[in-house]
């Protein structure tokens, strides 16, 4: 006897799309109603309709800037991922090394990027490379922290089994620790992808680059100087949508990697 069909709105995948969409509709409707009802001028708070209209009208310029910001974000995210994984592998090999160096990773995380970004931009002559470094520094710590925690979170019984069978350090790392760390690693990727975008925008603000190679931060600054608030909101909307897309991409990668065997993805 076949199981009864689950109603469409009770399916988890449908709920993950429908529920946030309903919230967005309510918020945008309230926003539009308040702006219209209070007759707020566009230079204070633009309505959602005006923001979308501005986005469509100015998309040629905003789209080019979006591509620049995405390029910096992706490069910084890749650099942070590679460095974070390598540092985590180094930490897990020696508890003394982790104890000695992990506080400096924390120090790197809590140091405001706006304080060190000017120095990096001065030291690194290439504007794109300097902004990638700044954004990578912002995105680095979650990968180090999560991956190190995952590599350490090994079932003691499995560890003893590997030891009894004479497994080498590298065999234990690749066949036991790495699979155990994957859920933590992908959790770090979800956090770091958004932080890489934030770091890229902050680095663009500090660098102050303009012209055809300018990112969305320059468009926001320029719109603020010109009191073109609808364009500023349109640029902010693009940044927000990019962040959502990055998070969704990391969630999809996590489901692809863990969906067949890990409880965090199998149960959803």
Protein backbone atom coordinates (compact mmCIF):
# COMPACT_ATOMS: atom_id res chain seq x y z
CA UNK A 1 0.00 0.00 0.00
CA UNK A 2 1.48 3.30 -1.08
CA UNK A 3 1.93 6.16 1.35
CA UNK A 4 -0.54 9.06 1.07
CA UNK A 5 0.64 11.97 -1.02
CA UNK A 6 2.01 14.90 0.96
CA UNK A 7 0.15 18.17 0.27
CA UNK A 8 2.15 20.61 -1.81
CA UNK A 9 2.46 23.28 0.89
CA UNK A 10 3.62 20.73 3.47
CA UNK A 11 6.64 19.66 1.44
CA UNK A 12 9.89 21.04 2.94
CA UNK A 13 11.32 22.11 -0.41
CA UNK A 14 8.16 24.06 -1.28
CA UNK A 15 8.05 25.65 2.18
CA UNK A 16 11.65 26.86 1.84
CA UNK A 17 10.53 28.89 -1.19
CA UNK A 18 6.94 29.83 -0.39
CA UNK A 19 7.34 30.99 3.23
CA UNK A 20 10.18 33.48 2.58
CA UNK A 21 8.32 34.68 -0.51
CA UNK A 22 5.19 35.38 1.52
CA UNK A 23 7.21 37.33 4.08
CA UNK A 24 8.83 39.36 1.29
CA UNK A 25 5.43 40.17 -0.21
CA UNK A 26 4.09 41.35 3.17
CA UNK A 27 7.17 43.48 3.90
CA UNK A 28 7.26 45.06 0.43
CA UNK A 29 3.52 45.70 0.54
CA UNK A 30 3.81 47.42 3.91
CA UNK A 31 6.81 49.42 2.67
CA UNK A 32 4.93 50.57 -0.43
CA UNK A 33 1.85 51.41 1.62
CA UNK A 34 3.78 53.48 4.17
CA UNK A 35 5.71 55.43 1.53
CA UNK A 36 2.52 56.14 -0.42
CA UNK A 37 0.36 56.87 2.62
CA UNK A 38 2.88 59.19 4.29
CA UNK A 39 3.85 60.76 0.94
CA UNK A 40 7.55 60.34 1.67
CA UNK A 41 9.86 61.99 -0.89
CA UNK A 42 12.16 59.66 -2.90
CA UNK A 43 15.32 61.28 -1.53
CA UNK A 44 14.35 60.01 1.93
CA UNK A 45 12.85 56.58 1.32
CA UNK A 46 12.05 55.38 -2.21
CA UNK A 47 9.16 53.02 -2.72
CA UNK A 48 9.82 49.44 -3.85
CA UNK A 49 8.23 50.19 -7.22
CA UNK A 50 10.56 53.16 -7.77
CA UNK A 51 13.55 51.10 -6.63
CA UNK A 52 12.77 48.33 -9.13
CA UNK A 53 12.12 50.88 -11.87
CA UNK A 54 15.49 52.50 -11.16
CA UNK A 55 17.17 49.10 -11.17
CA UNK A 56 15.80 48.38 -14.63
CA UNK A 57 16.66 51.83 -15.95
CA UNK A 58 20.21 51.95 -14.56
CA UNK A 59 21.00 48.26 -14.95
CA UNK A 60 23.69 48.73 -17.64
CA UNK A 61 25.88 50.63 -15.16
CA UNK A 62 24.80 48.68 -12.10
CA UNK A 63 25.23 45.37 -13.90
CA UNK A 64 28.85 46.15 -14.84
CA UNK A 65 29.58 47.11 -11.24
CA UNK A 66 27.86 43.96 -10.01
CA UNK A 67 30.17 41.82 -12.14
CA UNK A 68 33.21 43.57 -10.63
CA UNK A 69 31.96 42.97 -7.09
CA UNK A 70 31.13 39.33 -7.86
CA UNK A 71 34.59 38.79 -9.33
CA UNK A 72 36.28 40.12 -6.18
CA UNK A 73 33.91 38.11 -3.96
CA UNK A 74 34.47 34.81 -5.77
CA UNK A 75 38.26 35.22 -5.88
CA UNK A 76 38.36 36.13 -2.18
CA UNK A 77 36.09 33.22 -1.30
CA UNK A 78 38.30 30.76 -3.19
CA UNK A 79 41.45 32.13 -1.53
CA UNK A 80 39.84 31.96 1.92
CA UNK A 81 38.63 28.40 1.31
CA UNK A 82 42.02 27.10 0.20
CA UNK A 83 43.92 28.87 2.99
CA UNK A 84 41.35 27.93 5.61
CA UNK A 85 41.43 24.23 4.73
CA UNK A 86 45.24 24.13 4.64
CA UNK A 87 45.51 25.90 8.00
CA UNK A 88 42.93 23.52 9.50
CA UNK A 89 44.86 20.50 8.25
CA UNK A 90 47.96 22.00 9.87
CA UNK A 91 46.18 22.60 13.17
CA UNK A 92 44.81 19.08 13.40
CA UNK A 93 48.27 17.57 13.04
CA UNK A 94 49.51 19.15 16.26
CA UNK A 95 47.48 20.29 19.26
CA UNK A 96 50.45 22.41 20.40
CA UNK A 97 50.56 24.18 17.02
CA UNK A 98 46.82 24.85 17.15
CA UNK A 99 47.11 26.20 20.69
CA UNK A 100 49.95 28.51 19.67
CA UNK A 101 48.44 29.88 16.44
CA UNK A 102 44.65 29.76 16.84
CA UNK A 103 44.51 32.93 18.98
CA UNK A 104 46.05 34.82 16.07
CA UNK A 105 43.30 33.55 13.80
CA UNK A 106 40.80 34.94 16.32
CA UNK A 107 42.74 38.21 16.39
CA UNK A 108 42.49 38.35 12.60
CA UNK A 109 38.73 37.89 12.83
CA UNK A 110 38.06 40.58 15.44
CA UNK A 111 40.29 43.22 13.82
CA UNK A 112 38.05 45.60 11.78
CA UNK A 113 38.90 45.27 8.11
CA UNK A 114 38.41 49.02 7.64
CA UNK A 115 41.41 49.54 9.96
CA UNK A 116 43.83 47.38 7.97
CA UNK A 117 42.42 47.77 4.47
CA UNK A 118 44.20 51.10 3.79
CA UNK A 119 47.55 49.51 4.64
CA UNK A 120 46.87 46.52 2.38
CA UNK A 121 45.86 48.83 -0.46
CA UNK A 122 49.11 50.79 0.00
CA UNK A 123 51.29 47.68 0.22
CA UNK A 124 49.64 45.90 -2.72
CA UNK A 125 49.79 48.13 -5.77
CA UNK A 126 47.19 46.19 -7.77
CA UNK A 127 43.71 47.44 -6.71
CA UNK A 128 41.92 44.18 -7.52
CA UNK A 129 44.50 42.05 -5.69
CA UNK A 130 44.37 44.30 -2.63
CA UNK A 131 40.58 44.12 -2.47
CA UNK A 132 40.67 40.34 -2.87
CA UNK A 133 43.10 40.09 0.05
CA UNK A 134 40.89 42.30 2.24
CA UNK A 135 37.78 40.28 1.45
CA UNK A 136 39.63 36.97 1.94
CA UNK A 137 40.75 38.06 5.42
CA UNK A 138 37.13 38.72 6.37
CA UNK A 139 35.98 35.31 5.08
CA UNK A 140 38.89 33.24 6.40
CA UNK A 141 38.09 32.63 10.08
CA UNK A 142 34.78 30.71 9.78
CA UNK A 143 36.41 28.18 7.48
CA UNK A 144 39.37 27.72 9.84
CA UNK A 145 37.15 27.46 12.91
CA UNK A 146 34.49 25.15 11.46
CA UNK A 147 36.86 22.88 9.57
CA UNK A 148 39.20 22.52 12.55
CA UNK A 149 36.25 21.69 14.79
CA UNK A 150 35.03 19.12 12.27
CA UNK A 151 38.44 17.49 11.96
CA UNK A 152 38.59 17.22 15.74
CA UNK A 153 35.02 15.88 16.07
CA UNK A 154 35.77 12.25 15.32
CA UNK A 155 33.98 9.31 16.92
CA UNK A 156 36.44 7.91 19.52
CA UNK A 157 35.42 4.34 18.70
CA UNK A 158 36.20 4.86 15.02
CA UNK A 159 39.49 6.49 15.95
CA UNK A 160 40.39 3.48 18.07
CA UNK A 161 39.39 1.14 15.25
CA UNK A 162 41.68 2.94 12.82
CA UNK A 163 44.50 2.83 15.38
CA UNK A 164 44.06 -0.90 16.01
CA UNK A 165 44.27 -1.57 12.28
CA UNK A 166 47.55 0.35 11.99
CA UNK A 167 46.22 3.28 9.97
CA UNK A 168 48.78 5.96 9.27
CA UNK A 169 48.24 9.61 10.12
CA UNK A 170 47.38 10.45 6.50
CA UNK A 171 44.98 7.50 6.21
CA UNK A 172 43.17 8.61 9.36
CA UNK A 173 43.04 12.15 8.02
CA UNK A 174 41.58 11.37 4.59
CA UNK A 175 39.38 8.39 5.45
CA UNK A 176 38.13 9.37 8.89
CA UNK A 177 38.65 13.02 9.77
CA UNK A 178 37.81 14.58 6.41
CA UNK A 179 34.42 12.81 6.02
CA UNK A 180 33.58 13.71 9.62
CA UNK A 181 34.49 17.35 8.99
CA UNK A 182 32.45 17.84 5.79
CA UNK A 183 29.23 19.04 7.51
CA UNK A 184 31.23 21.55 9.54
CA UNK A 185 33.19 22.59 6.44
CA UNK A 186 30.07 23.32 4.42
CA UNK A 187 28.62 25.22 7.38
CA UNK A 188 31.73 27.39 7.31
CA UNK A 189 31.31 27.90 3.57
CA UNK A 190 27.78 29.23 4.03
CA UNK A 191 29.03 31.83 6.49
CA UNK A 192 32.19 32.73 4.59
CA UNK A 193 30.45 33.23 1.25
CA UNK A 194 28.44 36.10 2.71
CA UNK A 195 31.43 37.48 4.57
CA UNK A 196 33.45 37.48 1.34
CA UNK A 197 30.77 39.65 -0.25
CA UNK A 198 30.77 42.01 2.74
CA UNK A 199 34.56 42.19 2.66
CA UNK A 200 34.54 42.94 -1.07
CA UNK A 201 32.08 45.82 -0.64
CA UNK A 202 34.00 47.25 2.34
CA UNK A 203 37.27 46.99 0.42
CA UNK A 204 35.70 48.83 -2.51
CA UNK A 205 34.55 51.58 -0.17
CA UNK A 206 38.07 51.97 1.24
CA UNK A 207 39.81 51.71 -2.13
CA UNK A 208 37.50 54.29 -3.67
CA UNK A 209 38.06 52.98 -7.20
CA UNK A 210 35.89 54.50 -9.89
CA UNK A 211 35.34 54.34 -13.61
CA UNK A 212 34.56 51.20 -15.59
CA UNK A 213 36.32 48.98 -13.05
CA UNK A 214 34.22 50.18 -10.12
CA UNK A 215 32.09 47.87 -8.04
CA UNK A 216 28.72 48.40 -6.43
CA UNK A 217 30.27 50.26 -3.50
CA UNK A 218 31.28 53.06 -5.87
CA UNK A 219 27.74 53.19 -7.24
CA UNK A 220 26.41 53.55 -3.68
CA UNK A 221 28.88 56.33 -2.88
CA UNK A 222 28.15 58.15 -6.12
CA UNK A 223 24.40 57.86 -5.59
CA UNK A 224 24.78 59.21 -2.06
CA UNK A 225 26.75 62.23 -3.25
CA UNK A 226 24.08 62.93 -5.87
CA UNK A 227 21.18 62.23 -3.47
CA UNK A 228 20.01 59.59 -5.95
CA UNK A 229 18.57 57.43 -3.18
CA UNK A 230 16.53 55.13 -5.48
CA UNK A 231 19.74 54.15 -7.27
CA UNK A 232 21.45 53.58 -3.92
CA UNK A 233 18.63 51.25 -2.86
CA UNK A 234 18.82 49.46 -6.21
CA UNK A 235 22.53 48.82 -5.68
CA UNK A 236 21.85 47.59 -2.15
CA UNK A 237 19.18 45.27 -3.55
CA UNK A 238 21.71 43.77 -5.96
CA UNK A 239 24.15 43.19 -3.11
CA UNK A 240 21.44 41.52 -1.03
CA UNK A 241 20.33 39.28 -3.90
CA UNK A 242 23.96 38.32 -4.55
CA UNK A 243 24.39 37.34 -0.91
CA UNK A 244 21.23 35.22 -1.02
CA UNK A 245 22.43 33.55 -4.22
CA UNK A 246 25.80 32.75 -2.66
CA UNK A 247 24.16 31.23 0.42
CA UNK A 248 21.76 29.22 -1.75
CA UNK A 249 24.67 27.98 -3.84
CA UNK A 250 26.54 26.79 -0.76
CA UNK A 251 23.37 25.13 0.58
CA UNK A 252 22.94 23.33 -2.76
CA UNK A 253 26.58 22.17 -2.68
CA UNK A 254 26.08 20.91 0.86
CA UNK A 255 23.00 18.92 -0.15
CA UNK A 256 24.85 17.44 -3.11
CA UNK A 257 27.81 16.39 -0.98
CA UNK A 258 25.97 15.25 2.16
CA UNK A 259 22.45 14.44 1.02
CA UNK A 260 23.11 10.73 0.48
CA UNK A 261 24.55 9.95 3.90
CA UNK A 262 24.49 12.72 6.53
CA UNK A 263 21.52 13.22 8.84
CA UNK A 264 21.57 17.01 8.50
CA UNK A 265 20.58 16.72 4.83
CA UNK A 266 18.85 13.33 4.67
CA UNK A 267 16.11 14.41 7.07
CA UNK A 268 15.17 17.51 5.05
